[in-house]
Amino acid sequence: MEIICLDTNVLIAHKRAKKPDKDKTYLYQLTLKPYQFSVSSITRYF
């Protein structure tokens, strides 16, 4: 299984999307595949 390191722009775009548009975000599309996710320590800090 691959590990994907998520950058802040992917997380922010998903957070800002309106409810009907959440399924169009890149983060949502990634969740449809068998990936594991991680974030960097600096991203987690913010």
PDB file of N, CA and C in Angstrom:
ATOM      1  N   MET A   1       0.845  -1.176   0.000  1.00  0.00           N
ATOM      2  CA  MET A   1       0.000   0.000   0.000  1.00  0.00           C
ATOM      3  C   MET A   1       0.892   1.242   0.000  1.00  0.00           C
ATOM      4  N   GLU A   2       0.551   2.198  -0.831  1.00  0.00           N
ATOM      5  CA  GLU A   2       1.323   3.427  -0.938  1.00  0.00           C
ATOM      6  C   GLU A   2       0.907   4.425   0.144  1.00  0.00           C
ATOM      7  N   ILE A   3       1.863   5.221   0.559  1.00  0.00           N
ATOM      8  CA  ILE A   3       1.598   6.283   1.523  1.00  0.00           C
ATOM      9  C   ILE A   3       1.689   7.612   0.791  1.00  0.00           C
ATOM     10  N   ILE A   4       0.658   8.413   0.930  1.00  0.00           N
ATOM     11  CA  ILE A   4       0.591   9.725   0.298  1.00  0.00           C
ATOM     12  C   ILE A   4       0.775  10.785   1.380  1.00  0.00           C
ATOM     13  N   CYS A   5       1.727  11.693   1.168  1.00  0.00           N
ATOM     14  CA  CYS A   5       1.926  12.811   2.090  1.00  0.00           C
ATOM     15  C   CYS A   5       1.090  13.989   1.583  1.00  0.00           C
ATOM     16  N   LEU A   6       0.100  14.363   2.353  1.00  0.00           N
ATOM     17  CA  LEU A   6      -0.815  15.427   1.949  1.00  0.00           C
ATOM     18  C   LEU A   6      -0.229  16.794   2.281  1.00  0.00           C
ATOM     19  N   ASP A   7      -0.302  17.686   1.320  1.00  0.00           N
ATOM     20  CA  ASP A   7       0.163  19.054   1.506  1.00  0.00           C
ATOM     21  C   ASP A   7      -1.012  19.921   1.973  1.00  0.00           C
ATOM     22  N   THR A   8      -0.689  21.069   2.510  1.00  0.00           N
ATOM     23  CA  THR A   8      -1.734  21.941   3.051  1.00  0.00           C
ATOM     24  C   THR A   8      -2.745  22.367   2.000  1.00  0.00           C
ATOM     25  N   ASN A   9      -2.306  22.589   0.765  1.00  0.00           N
ATOM     26  CA  ASN A   9      -3.260  23.060  -0.248  1.00  0.00           C
ATOM     27  C   ASN A   9      -4.354  22.031  -0.525  1.00  0.00           C
ATOM     28  N   VAL A  10      -4.038  20.746  -0.442  1.00  0.00           N
ATOM     29  CA  VAL A  10      -5.042  19.693  -0.643  1.00  0.00           C
ATOM     30  C   VAL A  10      -6.034  19.695   0.519  1.00  0.00           C
ATOM     31  N   LEU A  11      -5.529  19.829   1.720  1.00  0.00           N
ATOM     32  CA  LEU A  11      -6.396  19.833   2.903  1.00  0.00           C
ATOM     33  C   LEU A  11      -7.273  21.081   2.953  1.00  0.00           C
ATOM     34  N   ILE A  12      -6.693  22.234   2.642  1.00  0.00           N
ATOM     35  CA  ILE A  12      -7.449  23.488   2.670  1.00  0.00           C
ATOM     36  C   ILE A  12      -8.534  23.496   1.596  1.00  0.00           C
ATOM     37  N   ALA A  13      -8.209  23.008   0.410  1.00  0.00           N
ATOM     38  CA  ALA A  13      -9.212  22.973  -0.670  1.00  0.00           C
ATOM     39  C   ALA A  13     -10.409  22.119  -0.276  1.00  0.00           C
ATOM     40  N   HIS A  14     -10.148  20.999   0.391  1.00  0.00           N
ATOM     41  CA  HIS A  14     -11.253  20.144   0.837  1.00  0.00           C
ATOM     42  C   HIS A  14     -12.052  20.830   1.945  1.00  0.00           C
ATOM     43  N   LYS A  15     -11.359  21.473   2.859  1.00  0.00           N
ATOM     44  CA  LYS A  15     -12.037  22.151   3.971  1.00  0.00           C
ATOM     45  C   LYS A  15     -12.905  23.305   3.470  1.00  0.00           C
ATOM     46  N   ARG A  16     -12.441  24.028   2.468  1.00  0.00           N
ATOM     47  CA  ARG A  16     -13.184  25.187   1.951  1.00  0.00           C
ATOM     48  C   ARG A  16     -14.336  24.816   1.021  1.00  0.00           C
ATOM     49  N   ALA A  17     -14.317  23.626   0.479  1.00  0.00           N
ATOM     50  CA  ALA A  17     -15.358  23.222  -0.473  1.00  0.00           C
ATOM     51  C   ALA A  17     -16.713  23.142   0.229  1.00  0.00           C
ATOM     52  N   LYS A  18     -17.723  23.583  -0.470  1.00  0.00           N
ATOM     53  CA  LYS A  18     -19.090  23.476   0.049  1.00  0.00           C
ATOM     54  C   LYS A  18     -19.496  22.003   0.056  1.00  0.00           C
ATOM     55  N   LYS A  19     -20.450  21.663   0.879  1.00  0.00           N
ATOM     56  CA  LYS A  19     -20.842  20.262   1.054  1.00  0.00           C
ATOM     57  C   LYS A  19     -21.151  19.538  -0.265  1.00  0.00           C
ATOM     58  N   PRO A  20     -21.905  20.135  -1.185  1.00  0.00           N
ATOM     59  CA  PRO A  20     -22.183  19.397  -2.430  1.00  0.00           C
ATOM     60  C   PRO A  20     -20.938  19.191  -3.300  1.00  0.00           C
ATOM     61  N   ASP A  21     -19.900  19.978  -3.079  1.00  0.00           N
ATOM     62  CA  ASP A  21     -18.695  19.900  -3.909  1.00  0.00           C
ATOM     63  C   ASP A  21     -17.559  19.120  -3.256  1.00  0.00           C
ATOM     64  N   LYS A  22     -17.758  18.601  -2.060  1.00  0.00           N
ATOM     65  CA  LYS A  22     -16.695  17.854  -1.374  1.00  0.00           C
ATOM     66  C   LYS A  22     -16.225  16.657  -2.191  1.00  0.00           C
ATOM     67  N   ASP A  23     -17.145  16.012  -2.898  1.00  0.00           N
ATOM     68  CA  ASP A  23     -16.762  14.817  -3.657  1.00  0.00           C
ATOM     69  C   ASP A  23     -15.973  15.149  -4.929  1.00  0.00           C
ATOM     70  N   LYS A  24     -15.791  16.429  -5.222  1.00  0.00           N
ATOM     71  CA  LYS A  24     -15.006  16.841  -6.385  1.00  0.00           C
ATOM     72  C   LYS A  24     -13.580  17.220  -6.011  1.00  0.00           C
ATOM     73  N   THR A  25     -13.276  17.225  -4.724  1.00  0.00           N
ATOM     74  CA  THR A  25     -11.937  17.623  -4.303  1.00  0.00           C
ATOM     75  C   THR A  25     -10.940  16.499  -4.522  1.00  0.00           C
ATOM     76  N   TYR A  26      -9.686  16.885  -4.638  1.00  0.00           N
ATOM     77  CA  TYR A  26      -8.618  15.913  -4.852  1.00  0.00           C
ATOM     78  C   TYR A  26      -8.498  14.961  -3.666  1.00  0.00           C
ATOM     79  N   LEU A  27      -8.672  15.470  -2.462  1.00  0.00           N
ATOM     80  CA  LEU A  27      -8.590  14.618  -1.280  1.00  0.00           C
ATOM     81  C   LEU A  27      -9.664  13.534  -1.325  1.00  0.00           C
ATOM     82  N   TYR A  28     -10.862  13.888  -1.670  1.00  0.00           N
ATOM     83  CA  TYR A  28     -11.937  12.900  -1.754  1.00  0.00           C
ATOM     84  C   TYR A  28     -11.617  11.843  -2.807  1.00  0.00           C
ATOM     85  N   GLN A  29     -11.120  12.281  -3.951  1.00  0.00           N
ATOM     86  CA  GLN A  29     -10.774  11.337  -5.012  1.00  0.00           C
ATOM     87  C   GLN A  29      -9.682  10.370  -4.561  1.00  0.00           C
ATOM     88  N   LEU A  30      -8.736  10.852  -3.766  1.00  0.00           N
ATOM     89  CA  LEU A  30      -7.680   9.977  -3.246  1.00  0.00           C
ATOM     90  C   LEU A  30      -8.227   8.942  -2.271  1.00  0.00           C
ATOM     91  N   THR A  31      -9.267   9.297  -1.532  1.00  0.00           N
ATOM     92  CA  THR A  31      -9.818   8.360  -0.550  1.00  0.00           C
ATOM     93  C   THR A  31     -10.526   7.179  -1.206  1.00  0.00           C
ATOM     94  N   LEU A  32     -10.813   7.279  -2.480  1.00  0.00           N
ATOM     95  CA  LEU A  32     -11.467   6.189  -3.190  1.00  0.00           C
ATOM     96  C   LEU A  32     -10.482   5.085  -3.562  1.00  0.00           C
ATOM     97  N   LYS A  33      -9.199   5.353  -3.396  1.00  0.00           N
ATOM     98  CA  LYS A  33      -8.156   4.387  -3.729  1.00  0.00           C
ATOM     99  C   LYS A  33      -7.498   3.884  -2.447  1.00  0.00           C
ATOM    100  N   PRO A  34      -6.856   2.736  -2.501  1.00  0.00           N
ATOM    101  CA  PRO A  34      -6.279   2.154  -1.267  1.00  0.00           C
ATOM    102  C   PRO A  34      -4.944   2.782  -0.859  1.00  0.00           C
ATOM    103  N   TYR A  35      -4.971   4.040  -0.461  1.00  0.00           N
ATOM    104  CA  TYR A  35      -3.771   4.732  -0.001  1.00  0.00           C
ATOM    105  C   TYR A  35      -3.831   4.923   1.508  1.00  0.00           C
ATOM    106  N   GLN A  36      -2.654   5.050   2.095  1.00  0.00           N
ATOM    107  CA  GLN A  36      -2.552   5.529   3.463  1.00  0.00           C
ATOM    108  C   GLN A  36      -2.094   6.973   3.362  1.00  0.00           C
ATOM    109  N   PHE A  37      -2.518   7.798   4.311  1.00  0.00           N
ATOM    110  CA  PHE A  37      -2.198   9.219   4.246  1.00  0.00           C
ATOM    111  C   PHE A  37      -1.333   9.632   5.423  1.00  0.00           C
ATOM    112  N   SER A  38      -0.505  10.627   5.163  1.00  0.00           N
ATOM    113  CA  SER A  38       0.301  11.222   6.217  1.00  0.00           C
ATOM    114  C   SER A  38       0.394  12.719   5.934  1.00  0.00           C
ATOM    115  N   VAL A  39       0.798  13.457   6.941  1.00  0.00           N
ATOM    116  CA  VAL A  39       1.068  14.887   6.786  1.00  0.00           C
ATOM    117  C   VAL A  39       2.411  15.169   7.441  1.00  0.00           C
ATOM    118  N   SER A  40       3.078  16.194   6.953  1.00  0.00           N
ATOM    119  CA  SER A  40       4.364  16.542   7.537  1.00  0.00           C
ATOM    120  C   SER A  40       4.156  17.155   8.924  1.00  0.00           C
ATOM    121  N   SER A  41       5.200  17.175   9.697  1.00  0.00           N
ATOM    122  CA  SER A  41       5.086  17.716  11.059  1.00  0.00           C
ATOM    123  C   SER A  41       4.764  19.210  11.034  1.00  0.00           C
ATOM    124  N   ILE A  42       5.275  19.944  10.059  1.00  0.00           N
ATOM    125  CA  ILE A  42       4.979  21.378   9.984  1.00  0.00           C
ATOM    126  C   ILE A  42       3.516  21.608   9.607  1.00  0.00           C
ATOM    127  N   THR A  43       2.966  20.770   8.752  1.00  0.00           N
ATOM    128  CA  THR A  43       1.541  20.872   8.412  1.00  0.00           C
ATOM    129  C   THR A  43       0.687  20.552   9.626  1.00  0.00           C
ATOM    130  N   ARG A  44       1.065  19.544  10.342  1.00  0.00           N
ATOM    131  CA  ARG A  44       0.315  19.163  11.538  1.00  0.00           C
ATOM    132  C   ARG A  44       0.373  20.253  12.605  1.00  0.00           C
ATOM    133  N   TYR A  45       1.473  20.963  12.687  1.00  0.00           N
ATOM    134  CA  TYR A  45       1.639  22.035  13.666  1.00  0.00           C
ATOM    135  C   TYR A  45       0.616  23.138  13.436  1.00  0.00           C
ATOM    136  N   PHE A  46       0.370  23.462  12.169  1.00  0.00           N
ATOM    137  CA  PHE A  46      -0.580  24.537  11.854  1.00  0.00           C
ATOM    138  C   PHE A  46      -1.962  23.997  11.912  1.00  0.00           C
TER     139      PHE A  46
END
